[in-house]
Every structure is written in structure tokens, then in C-alpha cells.
Amino acid sequence: MSPSAPTRQLARLFGIDPREAEPAAAGALLFFLLFAGYFMLRPVRETMGIAGGVDNLQWLFTGTFVATLAVMPLFGWVAGRVQRRHVLPWTFGFFALNLAGFALGFHWAPDNLWFARSFYIWLSVFNLIAISVAWSVLADLFPIAQAKRVFALMASGASFGGLLGPLLGVILVGRIGHAGLLWLSAALLIAAIYVARRLQRWRDAHPIHAEASAAARARPLGGSPFAGFTDVLRSPYLLGIAAFVLLLASVSTFLYFEQARLVELTYPDRADQTRVFGTIDVVVQSLAILSQLFLTGRLAQRLGIGVLLVAVPLVTVLGFLWLALAPTFAVLAVVMVVRRAGEYAFVRPGREMLFTSVPTQAKYKAKNFIDSVVYRGADAVSGWAKALVDALAQHPALAALIGAAIALTWACTGYGLARAQARQAVADAPLPADAATTT
């Protein structure tokens, strides 16, 4: 059945093949549901992190890393024994049950500091693993040619969700409370499971090659629960992605700590702090949406994924240098907005495209090891490093200069990865350039 005229017009507007409109819309809806639920709770998490004292944030980051280490073998075990098409439903279903438990906890002990810290750590683990699993499925279903066209459009659903989520939190928290927000987030997560199943059925009806067939995805991956770790160690390409994520997380942590410090100084009231965090989220997601819809996919197709992996790190270098000269909240807010919007619009889609060229097991196990353990490990180490720099220097400019050096290394790593991905794609001799024509 040929696509309708409106579908062809929308596909032309967004630079995709008309037959890719259905999966692009489903992927965008998947991320919309996931991110709306997460970002509805994110300002609450940030306020809880400050409630325990900014000086204790590094402990929360360390706790998050330890929790991630504890969870990853369990995920590796599930991914090795569950059919590939069921990995996301099982993972999201488990997290929905967790949200229900925390909702009861918020109802019974809303002011308990240790419960607040536990929720901070849990949400920090949840967001990385859940998002990584969603991208694992997409990297499994779409080859690089299609990924360049549709991944940015799918990521726009995350930005729409990230935009609506904080607004829902602000509007609903007075009516249903924190517990009610968690119940709503759990419901959105369950809806995301249904959308992911629709994507799997679409791929079943439009197979690209034998490995993408329903029979192949019905088989468990097998392997050890620790296969993600060993796969990364054995592959220079995966080690490069791990280094890229480590540097990204380090830059993010340095800026995050500066944000917490300056927000605490500028806005002592906790309600004001939550509103500031929510406002930043709204601005970030608005900018990201426009880029994802009309710019990212076209840049990836015309200039390659290198521009997606390098541009934001270079801009971040300039942002850190500006922050070293003018360490104020206004400057930090601009740098944070530009970096985060750029990460969502360019870096994340580009980074996920890198995984379209790795073996199937690596798309799930190695990818989730990198996205969770490596990321949170970098968070923990960077958090303590930032605290040490602040304690020794007592001047924010030094931390900003160190951040600039890290961001420059991040840019160089992204450039090297883009070249490696291009070489690997040629060596693998994959599908025709326009894979959509075979569907």
C-alpha cells in the first residue's frame, strides 16, 4: 500500500522516505512516553539532591555508581535469556513496579531524607538503563542508512516528552502530590511497552535482511551476564565509544556541580530551585526539538555523523572558557542550555548511530554497560574530582579550565569515532545506501 499524499509531504519536510513515516512516528512516541515520565520527576530529584546538601552530591553520585554496578549483572542475565524482542518489555515492566513502590513510599514517608536519597539514586539508574534499552532496540531494528534519516526524528519525541514532563509536574504536583506523579510515570512506561511492540511488528512486516527477521529476534542473545564488560574490552571500537561517553559524563558532571552550587547561592528557597530546574529543562527541550525535526537528520546525511559528535564538544570548550572568565549563574545557565540542547539534538543521535555497526549482542549488553556503568562511573569519579578541585583551589575558574580541557579531548574522541564508524561500514559492505527501498 503506497503512502498517502499527506504522509509523503511530511516525509519530504523531514527528509525521510515516506515508508519510514510509521516507524519514525512510533519511535518518537516511544521516547515521548519515556521522557515525559522521567522529566516529570527530574525536578523533584534535583530538589532532593540539594536537600541533602550540595557538599554531599558526590556521595549521591557514588551511590548511583554502586547501584548501577549491582543492577548490570541482573540486566545482563535477563538480556541473555529473554528473547531480544522481549528485553524492553521486561525491563520497563520491572521499572514500572519500582515506581509503584516508590509512590507508596512517598505517600507514607514524604519527608524522609534517606528515602529521598534512595529515590535520587534509583531515578539516576533508571533513566540511563531505560533510555539505553530503548536505543538498543532501535539500533537492532534499523541499519545505518535508515538511522541517519530517522534517529533524530525519533529523538524529537524525547525532547517533546522532556518539554511536557516538567510542565505536567508543575501543574499536577499540587493536585496529586509526588506519589501521584510516580503513578502517572509508571502508566506512561507501560504505554511505552505497547509502542515498542508495535515497532517490532512493523519490522517483522518489513524485514531488511535475515538477521532482522522475527525468528532471529525471537531467540535469546545468550552469553554471560558480564558479556557487556568483556565485549568492550575486546573491541577498540567499543572502547572508543566508552571513552566518548566517559568524557561526555565528566563534562556534564562538572557543569552539574556548578549548577547546583550557583542555584543554591542564587535561589535559597526549595520551591524556587525546582522552578529554576524546570525552566531550564523547558528551554533545553524547545531548542532540541527544532534541531531534531529540521536539522540533525539532514546534517547526518550530508556531512556524516562526525559533525554530530564534534560540534557540541567544541562549543562546550568555549562555554567553559566563558565560565572561567565570568562564573555567574546567568553565564552558567546559557552554557548548560546550549550544551544539553546540543547533546539531545546532535550528540545522542550520533552516538546511537555508532551502535548500528556492532554485533547484535553488543547492541544490548556492551551498549548498556557503556551507557550505565561507564557513564555513572565517570559521574562518580568526576564528582569527587570536582569536589577536590574546589577544596584545593577555592576558585571556580580552575574547574572551568579543567572542564574545557576535558571537552576538547571529548571532541577529538568524537572525530576519531566518526572516522572509525565510516571505515567499519565500508568493511562490512552492508545494505544498499537506501535501505528503505527494500522494505
Protein backbone atom coordinates (compact mmCIF):
# COMPACT_ATOMS: atom_id res chain seq x y z
CA MET A 1 0.00 0.00 0.00
CA SER A 2 1.52 3.30 -1.10
CA PRO A 3 1.78 6.15 1.43
CA SER A 4 -0.92 8.84 1.36
CA ALA A 5 -0.25 12.32 -0.01
CA PRO A 6 -0.07 13.95 3.46
CA THR A 7 2.40 11.26 4.55
CA ARG A 8 4.59 11.92 1.50
CA GLN A 9 4.52 15.66 2.19
CA LEU A 10 5.50 15.20 5.84
CA ALA A 11 8.25 12.77 4.85
CA ARG A 12 9.64 15.31 2.39
CA LEU A 13 9.51 18.02 5.08
CA PHE A 14 11.54 15.91 7.50
CA GLY A 15 13.87 14.36 4.93
CA ILE A 16 12.83 10.70 5.22
CA ASP A 17 11.39 8.05 2.91
CA PRO A 18 7.55 8.00 3.08
CA ARG A 19 7.63 4.31 4.06
CA GLU A 20 9.67 5.25 7.12
CA ALA A 21 6.97 7.58 8.46
CA GLU A 22 5.24 4.88 10.51
CA PRO A 23 8.32 3.61 12.40
CA ALA A 24 9.66 7.15 12.83
CA ALA A 25 6.38 8.18 14.44
CA ALA A 26 6.32 5.06 16.63
CA GLY A 27 9.91 5.64 17.76
CA ALA A 28 9.13 9.27 18.56
CA LEU A 29 6.08 8.21 20.58
CA LEU A 30 8.16 5.62 22.47
CA PHE A 31 10.64 8.27 23.55
CA PHE A 32 7.88 10.80 24.24
CA LEU A 33 6.23 8.47 26.76
CA LEU A 34 9.54 7.51 28.37
CA PHE A 35 10.88 11.05 28.68
CA ALA A 36 7.60 12.64 29.73
CA GLY A 37 7.51 10.26 32.68
CA TYR A 38 11.16 10.81 33.53
CA PHE A 39 11.25 14.59 33.18
CA MET A 40 8.08 14.90 35.20
CA LEU A 41 10.11 13.52 38.11
CA ARG A 42 13.51 15.07 37.30
CA PRO A 43 12.96 18.47 39.02
CA VAL A 44 11.85 16.58 42.12
CA ARG A 45 15.06 14.54 42.01
CA GLU A 46 17.22 17.67 41.69
CA THR A 47 15.49 19.30 44.66
CA MET A 48 16.01 16.16 46.73
CA GLY A 49 19.68 16.13 45.80
CA ILE A 50 20.11 19.67 47.10
CA ALA A 51 18.05 18.85 50.23
CA GLY A 52 20.89 16.65 51.48
CA GLY A 53 23.43 19.44 50.89
CA VAL A 54 25.44 20.32 47.80
CA ASP A 55 28.58 19.21 49.63
CA ASN A 56 27.15 15.68 49.71
CA LEU A 57 26.33 15.39 46.00
CA GLN A 58 29.46 13.37 45.31
CA TRP A 59 28.15 10.74 47.73
CA LEU A 60 24.91 10.50 45.77
CA PHE A 61 26.91 10.10 42.57
CA THR A 62 28.99 7.36 44.20
CA GLY A 63 25.84 5.65 45.47
CA THR A 64 24.38 5.79 41.97
CA PHE A 65 27.51 4.16 40.53
CA VAL A 66 27.41 1.36 43.13
CA ALA A 67 23.71 0.77 42.44
CA THR A 68 24.43 0.63 38.70
CA LEU A 69 27.17 -1.96 39.26
CA ALA A 70 24.71 -4.05 41.25
CA VAL A 71 21.97 -3.85 38.61
CA MET A 72 24.02 -4.51 35.45
CA PRO A 73 24.68 -8.26 36.02
CA LEU A 74 20.93 -8.69 36.53
CA PHE A 75 20.23 -6.90 33.27
CA GLY A 76 22.92 -8.96 31.51
CA TRP A 77 21.30 -12.14 32.81
CA VAL A 78 17.84 -11.09 31.59
CA ALA A 79 19.16 -9.92 28.19
CA GLY A 80 20.95 -13.25 27.72
CA ARG A 81 17.90 -15.40 28.43
CA VAL A 82 14.93 -13.40 27.21
CA GLN A 83 14.03 -13.10 23.53
CA ARG A 84 15.50 -9.92 22.07
CA ARG A 85 12.05 -8.58 21.31
CA HIS A 86 11.09 -9.00 24.99
CA VAL A 87 14.10 -7.29 26.60
CA LEU A 88 12.43 -3.86 26.61
CA PRO A 89 9.03 -5.04 27.95
CA TRP A 90 10.68 -6.94 30.79
CA THR A 91 12.96 -4.03 31.69
CA PHE A 92 10.25 -1.37 31.52
CA GLY A 93 7.81 -3.58 33.42
CA PHE A 94 10.35 -4.03 36.22
CA PHE A 95 10.89 -0.27 36.46
CA ALA A 96 7.13 0.37 36.49
CA LEU A 97 6.85 -1.89 39.53
CA ASN A 98 9.68 0.07 41.17
CA LEU A 99 7.82 3.33 40.54
CA ALA A 100 4.72 1.88 42.20
CA GLY A 101 6.81 1.01 45.26
CA PHE A 102 8.31 4.50 45.47
CA ALA A 103 4.83 6.00 45.05
CA LEU A 104 3.72 4.16 48.18
CA GLY A 105 6.86 5.34 49.95
CA PHE A 106 6.19 8.98 49.06
CA HIS A 107 2.68 8.58 50.43
CA TRP A 108 3.84 7.11 53.76
CA ALA A 109 7.13 9.00 54.33
CA PRO A 110 7.23 12.14 52.17
CA ASP A 111 9.85 13.96 54.28
CA ASN A 112 12.27 11.11 54.96
CA LEU A 113 15.73 12.26 53.85
CA TRP A 114 17.10 8.74 53.28
CA PHE A 115 14.08 7.81 51.23
CA ALA A 116 14.65 10.96 49.16
CA ARG A 117 18.28 9.98 48.62
CA SER A 118 17.23 6.46 47.60
CA PHE A 119 14.82 7.89 45.05
CA TYR A 120 17.55 10.19 43.70
CA ILE A 121 19.85 7.22 43.17
CA TRP A 122 17.12 5.00 41.73
CA LEU A 123 15.94 7.60 39.21
CA SER A 124 19.54 8.20 38.14
CA VAL A 125 19.96 4.48 37.44
CA PHE A 126 16.54 4.11 35.83
CA ASN A 127 16.93 6.93 33.32
CA LEU A 128 20.19 5.60 31.86
CA ILE A 129 19.18 1.95 31.63
CA ALA A 130 15.66 2.59 30.30
CA ILE A 131 16.85 5.06 27.67
CA SER A 132 19.75 2.80 26.69
CA VAL A 133 17.43 -0.20 26.24
CA ALA A 134 15.12 1.83 24.01
CA TRP A 135 18.04 2.87 21.80
CA SER A 136 19.34 -0.72 21.80
CA VAL A 137 16.09 -1.86 20.25
CA LEU A 138 16.26 0.84 17.58
CA ALA A 139 19.91 0.09 16.77
CA ASP A 140 18.85 -3.54 16.39
CA LEU A 141 15.94 -2.73 14.08
CA PHE A 142 17.47 -0.06 11.81
CA PRO A 143 20.69 -0.10 9.73
CA ILE A 144 22.92 2.96 9.50
CA ALA A 145 21.34 4.28 6.27
CA GLN A 146 17.92 4.45 7.86
CA ALA A 147 19.31 5.53 11.23
CA LYS A 148 20.74 8.70 9.68
CA ARG A 149 17.27 9.61 8.49
CA VAL A 150 15.00 8.56 11.35
CA PHE A 151 17.01 8.60 14.61
CA ALA A 152 16.88 12.37 15.01
CA LEU A 153 13.13 12.38 14.37
CA MET A 154 12.69 9.64 16.95
CA ALA A 155 14.83 11.61 19.39
CA SER A 156 12.48 14.57 18.92
CA GLY A 157 9.89 12.53 20.80
CA ALA A 158 12.27 12.55 23.75
CA SER A 159 12.51 16.33 23.57
CA PHE A 160 8.74 16.72 23.34
CA GLY A 161 8.44 14.46 26.36
CA GLY A 162 11.18 16.38 28.13
CA LEU A 163 9.26 19.59 27.40
CA LEU A 164 5.86 18.35 28.53
CA GLY A 165 7.11 16.36 31.52
CA PRO A 166 8.25 19.33 33.67
CA LEU A 167 5.06 21.23 32.77
CA LEU A 168 2.95 18.27 33.87
CA GLY A 169 4.93 18.10 37.10
CA VAL A 170 4.38 21.78 37.84
CA ILE A 171 0.65 21.59 37.03
CA LEU A 172 -0.15 18.29 38.73
CA VAL A 173 2.12 18.12 41.79
CA GLY A 174 -0.23 20.37 43.81
CA ARG A 175 -3.20 18.16 42.94
CA ILE A 176 -1.87 14.62 43.08
CA GLY A 177 1.39 15.08 45.01
CA HIS A 178 4.70 13.37 44.41
CA ALA A 179 3.14 9.92 44.79
CA GLY A 180 0.60 10.71 42.09
CA LEU A 181 3.36 11.81 39.72
CA LEU A 182 5.07 8.46 40.19
CA TRP A 183 1.87 6.53 39.44
CA LEU A 184 1.41 8.57 36.27
CA SER A 185 5.03 7.96 35.24
CA ALA A 186 4.52 4.21 35.71
CA ALA A 187 1.46 4.33 33.46
CA LEU A 188 3.44 6.13 30.74
CA LEU A 189 6.15 3.48 30.99
CA ILE A 190 3.62 0.71 30.44
CA ALA A 191 2.23 2.57 27.41
CA ALA A 192 5.79 2.73 26.03
CA ILE A 193 5.94 -1.08 26.14
CA TYR A 194 2.93 -1.26 23.83
CA VAL A 195 4.53 1.18 21.35
CA ALA A 196 7.78 -0.82 21.32
CA ARG A 197 5.83 -3.95 20.46
CA ARG A 198 4.28 -2.09 17.52
CA LEU A 199 7.77 -1.22 16.27
CA GLN A 200 8.80 -4.86 16.44
CA ARG A 201 5.73 -5.89 14.44
CA TRP A 202 6.48 -3.24 11.80
CA ARG A 203 9.99 -4.64 11.36
CA ASP A 204 8.54 -8.16 11.13
CA ALA A 205 6.39 -7.00 8.22
CA HIS A 206 9.27 -5.10 6.55
CA PRO A 207 12.42 -7.21 7.07
CA ILE A 208 15.69 -5.81 5.72
CA HIS A 209 17.85 -8.93 5.94
CA ALA A 210 17.82 -12.32 7.60
CA GLU A 211 19.21 -11.09 10.91
CA ALA A 212 16.33 -8.61 11.19
CA SER A 213 13.71 -11.34 10.79
CA ALA A 214 11.18 -12.12 13.50
CA ALA A 215 12.74 -15.57 14.02
CA ALA A 216 16.18 -14.09 14.73
CA ARG A 217 14.80 -11.60 17.23
CA ALA A 218 12.77 -14.33 18.91
CA ARG A 219 15.99 -16.04 20.03
CA PRO A 220 17.70 -15.04 23.30
CA LEU A 221 21.13 -13.47 23.00
CA GLY A 222 22.73 -15.97 25.36
CA GLY A 223 26.17 -15.36 26.81
CA SER A 224 27.41 -14.34 30.24
CA PRO A 225 25.75 -11.64 32.39
CA PHE A 226 29.15 -9.88 32.23
CA ALA A 227 29.46 -10.12 28.44
CA GLY A 228 28.94 -6.37 28.06
CA PHE A 229 32.14 -5.70 30.00
CA THR A 230 34.22 -8.30 28.15
CA ASP A 231 32.90 -7.22 24.73
CA VAL A 232 34.02 -3.64 25.41
CA LEU A 233 37.50 -4.75 26.48
CA ARG A 234 37.95 -6.82 23.32
CA SER A 235 36.89 -4.16 20.82
CA PRO A 236 38.89 -0.97 20.16
CA TYR A 237 35.77 0.50 18.56
CA LEU A 238 33.64 -0.12 21.67
CA LEU A 239 36.48 1.15 23.88
CA GLY A 240 36.41 4.35 21.83
CA ILE A 241 32.67 4.72 22.41
CA ALA A 242 33.24 4.08 26.11
CA ALA A 243 35.89 6.83 26.19
CA PHE A 244 33.49 9.20 24.39
CA VAL A 245 30.75 8.52 26.96
CA LEU A 246 33.22 8.85 29.85
CA LEU A 247 34.32 12.28 28.63
CA LEU A 248 30.72 13.35 27.98
CA ALA A 249 29.73 12.35 31.52
CA SER A 250 32.75 14.14 33.00
CA VAL A 251 31.84 17.38 31.24
CA SER A 252 28.23 17.01 32.35
CA THR A 253 29.24 16.39 35.97
CA PHE A 254 31.48 19.46 36.16
CA LEU A 255 28.64 21.63 34.86
CA TYR A 256 26.07 19.88 37.06
CA PHE A 257 28.03 20.63 40.23
CA GLU A 258 28.47 24.26 39.22
CA GLN A 259 24.74 24.46 38.52
CA ALA A 260 23.88 23.05 41.96
CA ARG A 261 26.32 25.42 43.67
CA LEU A 262 25.12 28.56 41.89
CA VAL A 263 21.42 27.67 42.17
CA GLU A 264 21.83 27.13 45.91
CA LEU A 265 23.53 30.54 46.24
CA THR A 266 21.13 32.40 43.97
CA TYR A 267 17.83 30.74 44.96
CA PRO A 268 17.77 29.64 48.64
CA ASP A 269 14.07 28.64 48.56
CA ARG A 270 13.46 24.98 47.53
CA ALA A 271 10.33 25.84 45.53
CA ASP A 272 12.31 28.44 43.57
CA GLN A 273 15.03 25.87 42.94
CA THR A 274 12.51 23.41 41.47
CA ARG A 275 11.07 26.15 39.24
CA VAL A 276 14.56 27.09 38.00
CA PHE A 277 15.41 23.48 37.17
CA GLY A 278 12.06 23.08 35.40
CA THR A 279 12.52 26.29 33.40
CA ILE A 280 15.97 25.21 32.21
CA ASP A 281 14.50 21.87 31.12
CA VAL A 282 11.75 23.60 29.12
CA VAL A 283 14.21 25.87 27.27
CA VAL A 284 16.59 22.98 26.55
CA GLN A 285 13.90 20.73 25.13
CA SER A 286 12.38 23.51 23.00
CA LEU A 287 15.71 24.16 21.30
CA ALA A 288 16.40 20.45 20.89
CA ILE A 289 13.03 19.80 19.22
CA LEU A 290 13.60 22.35 16.47
CA SER A 291 17.06 20.96 15.72
CA GLN A 292 15.93 17.32 15.74
CA LEU A 293 13.00 17.94 13.42
CA PHE A 294 14.67 20.06 10.77
CA LEU A 295 18.46 20.00 11.14
CA THR A 296 20.04 16.88 12.67
CA GLY A 297 18.96 14.30 10.07
CA ARG A 298 19.98 16.50 7.16
CA LEU A 299 23.40 17.17 8.72
CA ALA A 300 23.98 13.45 9.29
CA GLN A 301 23.06 12.56 5.70
CA ARG A 302 25.09 15.33 4.06
CA LEU A 303 28.12 15.68 6.36
CA GLY A 304 28.16 12.36 8.19
CA ILE A 305 27.85 11.63 11.89
CA GLY A 306 31.18 13.30 12.68
CA VAL A 307 29.57 16.74 12.76
CA LEU A 308 27.07 15.43 15.34
CA LEU A 309 29.84 14.11 17.58
CA VAL A 310 32.26 17.05 17.37
CA ALA A 311 30.26 20.30 17.17
CA VAL A 312 28.81 20.25 20.70
CA PRO A 313 32.10 19.38 22.45
CA LEU A 314 33.82 22.29 20.68
CA VAL A 315 31.04 24.69 21.68
CA THR A 316 31.34 23.36 25.24
CA VAL A 317 35.04 24.25 25.26
CA LEU A 318 34.11 27.86 24.52
CA GLY A 319 31.40 27.72 27.19
CA PHE A 320 33.84 26.59 29.86
CA LEU A 321 36.28 29.34 28.93
CA TRP A 322 33.47 31.90 29.20
CA LEU A 323 32.50 30.47 32.59
CA ALA A 324 36.12 30.77 33.77
CA LEU A 325 36.03 34.49 32.97
CA ALA A 326 32.52 35.12 34.32
CA PRO A 327 31.46 32.47 36.89
CA THR A 328 27.85 33.70 37.32
CA PHE A 329 24.54 31.87 37.25
CA ALA A 330 23.42 33.70 34.09
CA VAL A 331 26.52 32.54 32.17
CA LEU A 332 26.17 29.01 33.53
CA ALA A 333 22.50 28.89 32.51
CA VAL A 334 23.42 29.77 28.90
CA VAL A 335 26.22 27.18 28.81
CA MET A 336 24.01 24.50 30.35
CA VAL A 337 21.17 25.16 27.93
CA VAL A 338 23.41 25.12 24.84
CA ARG A 339 25.30 22.00 25.92
CA ARG A 340 22.25 19.99 26.94
CA ALA A 341 20.19 21.02 23.91
CA GLY A 342 23.13 20.13 21.67
CA GLU A 343 23.56 16.79 23.40
CA TYR A 344 19.93 15.83 22.85
CA ALA A 345 19.76 17.16 19.29
CA PHE A 346 23.16 16.11 17.92
CA VAL A 347 25.35 14.06 20.26
CA ARG A 348 22.78 11.48 21.33
CA PRO A 349 21.52 10.56 17.84
CA GLY A 350 25.11 10.49 16.54
CA ARG A 351 26.27 8.34 19.42
CA GLU A 352 23.42 5.86 18.87
CA MET A 353 24.26 5.63 15.16
CA LEU A 354 27.66 4.28 16.18
CA PHE A 355 25.98 1.16 17.57
CA THR A 356 24.31 0.23 14.27
CA SER A 357 27.69 -1.17 13.15
CA VAL A 358 28.33 -3.52 16.09
CA PRO A 359 27.27 -7.18 16.59
CA THR A 360 23.79 -7.84 17.96
CA GLN A 361 24.92 -8.85 21.45
CA ALA A 362 26.95 -5.65 21.75
CA LYS A 363 23.89 -3.57 20.83
CA TYR A 364 22.28 -4.71 24.07
CA LYS A 365 24.92 -5.81 26.58
CA ALA A 366 28.01 -3.74 25.69
CA LYS A 367 25.87 -0.71 24.91
CA ASN A 368 24.09 -0.84 28.25
CA PHE A 369 27.37 -1.39 30.07
CA ILE A 370 28.75 1.75 28.43
CA ASP A 371 25.59 3.80 28.89
CA SER A 372 25.20 2.91 32.56
CA VAL A 373 28.35 1.64 34.28
CA VAL A 374 30.82 3.75 32.30
CA TYR A 375 28.60 6.83 32.47
CA ARG A 376 27.86 6.56 36.18
CA GLY A 377 31.46 5.60 36.95
CA ALA A 378 32.58 8.79 35.22
CA ASP A 379 29.95 10.67 37.22
CA ALA A 380 31.30 9.33 40.49
CA VAL A 381 34.97 9.94 39.71
CA SER A 382 34.28 13.39 38.25
CA GLY A 383 32.15 14.32 41.25
CA TRP A 384 34.98 13.61 43.66
CA ALA A 385 37.49 15.30 41.34
CA LYS A 386 35.32 18.42 41.18
CA ALA A 387 34.96 18.46 44.97
CA LEU A 388 38.74 18.08 45.34
CA VAL A 389 39.46 20.91 42.88
CA ASP A 390 37.01 23.19 44.68
CA ALA A 391 38.51 22.34 48.07
CA LEU A 392 42.09 22.96 46.96
CA ALA A 393 41.66 25.96 44.69
CA GLN A 394 38.62 27.72 46.15
CA HIS A 395 38.13 29.31 42.74
CA PRO A 396 35.57 28.16 40.13
CA ALA A 397 37.77 29.30 37.22
CA LEU A 398 40.14 26.36 37.74
CA ALA A 399 37.32 23.84 37.48
CA ALA A 400 36.09 25.58 34.32
CA LEU A 401 39.54 25.38 32.70
CA ILE A 402 39.80 21.69 33.54
CA GLY A 403 36.33 21.23 32.06
CA ALA A 404 37.47 22.95 28.85
CA ALA A 405 40.42 20.55 28.53
CA ILE A 406 38.10 17.55 29.03
CA ALA A 407 35.66 18.91 26.43
CA LEU A 408 38.46 19.35 23.89
CA THR A 409 39.52 15.71 24.41
CA TRP A 410 35.86 14.75 24.03
CA ALA A 411 35.74 16.48 20.62
CA CYS A 412 38.89 14.68 19.42
CA THR A 413 37.46 11.32 20.51
CA GLY A 414 34.21 12.01 18.63
CA TYR A 415 36.14 12.80 15.46
CA GLY A 416 38.11 9.56 15.72
CA LEU A 417 34.95 7.52 16.30
CA ALA A 418 33.21 9.00 13.27
CA ARG A 419 36.16 8.00 11.07
CA ALA A 420 36.23 4.51 12.59
CA GLN A 421 32.49 4.04 12.01
CA ALA A 422 32.83 5.07 8.37
CA ARG A 423 35.68 2.57 7.85
CA GLN A 424 33.72 -0.19 9.58
CA ALA A 425 30.62 0.47 7.48
CA VAL A 426 32.68 0.13 4.29
CA ALA A 427 34.44 -3.01 5.52
CA ASP A 428 31.16 -4.68 6.47
CA ALA A 429 29.73 -3.88 2.99
CA PRO A 430 26.19 -3.62 4.34
CA LEU A 431 22.95 -2.97 2.53
CA PRO A 432 22.35 -0.65 -0.38
CA ALA A 433 22.72 3.01 0.53
CA ASP A 434 18.95 3.48 0.62
CA ALA A 435 17.82 0.54 2.73
CA ALA A 436 14.28 1.84 2.74
CA THR A 437 13.82 0.83 -0.88
CA THR A 438 13.97 -2.85 0.16
CA THR A 439 11.12 -2.50 2.61
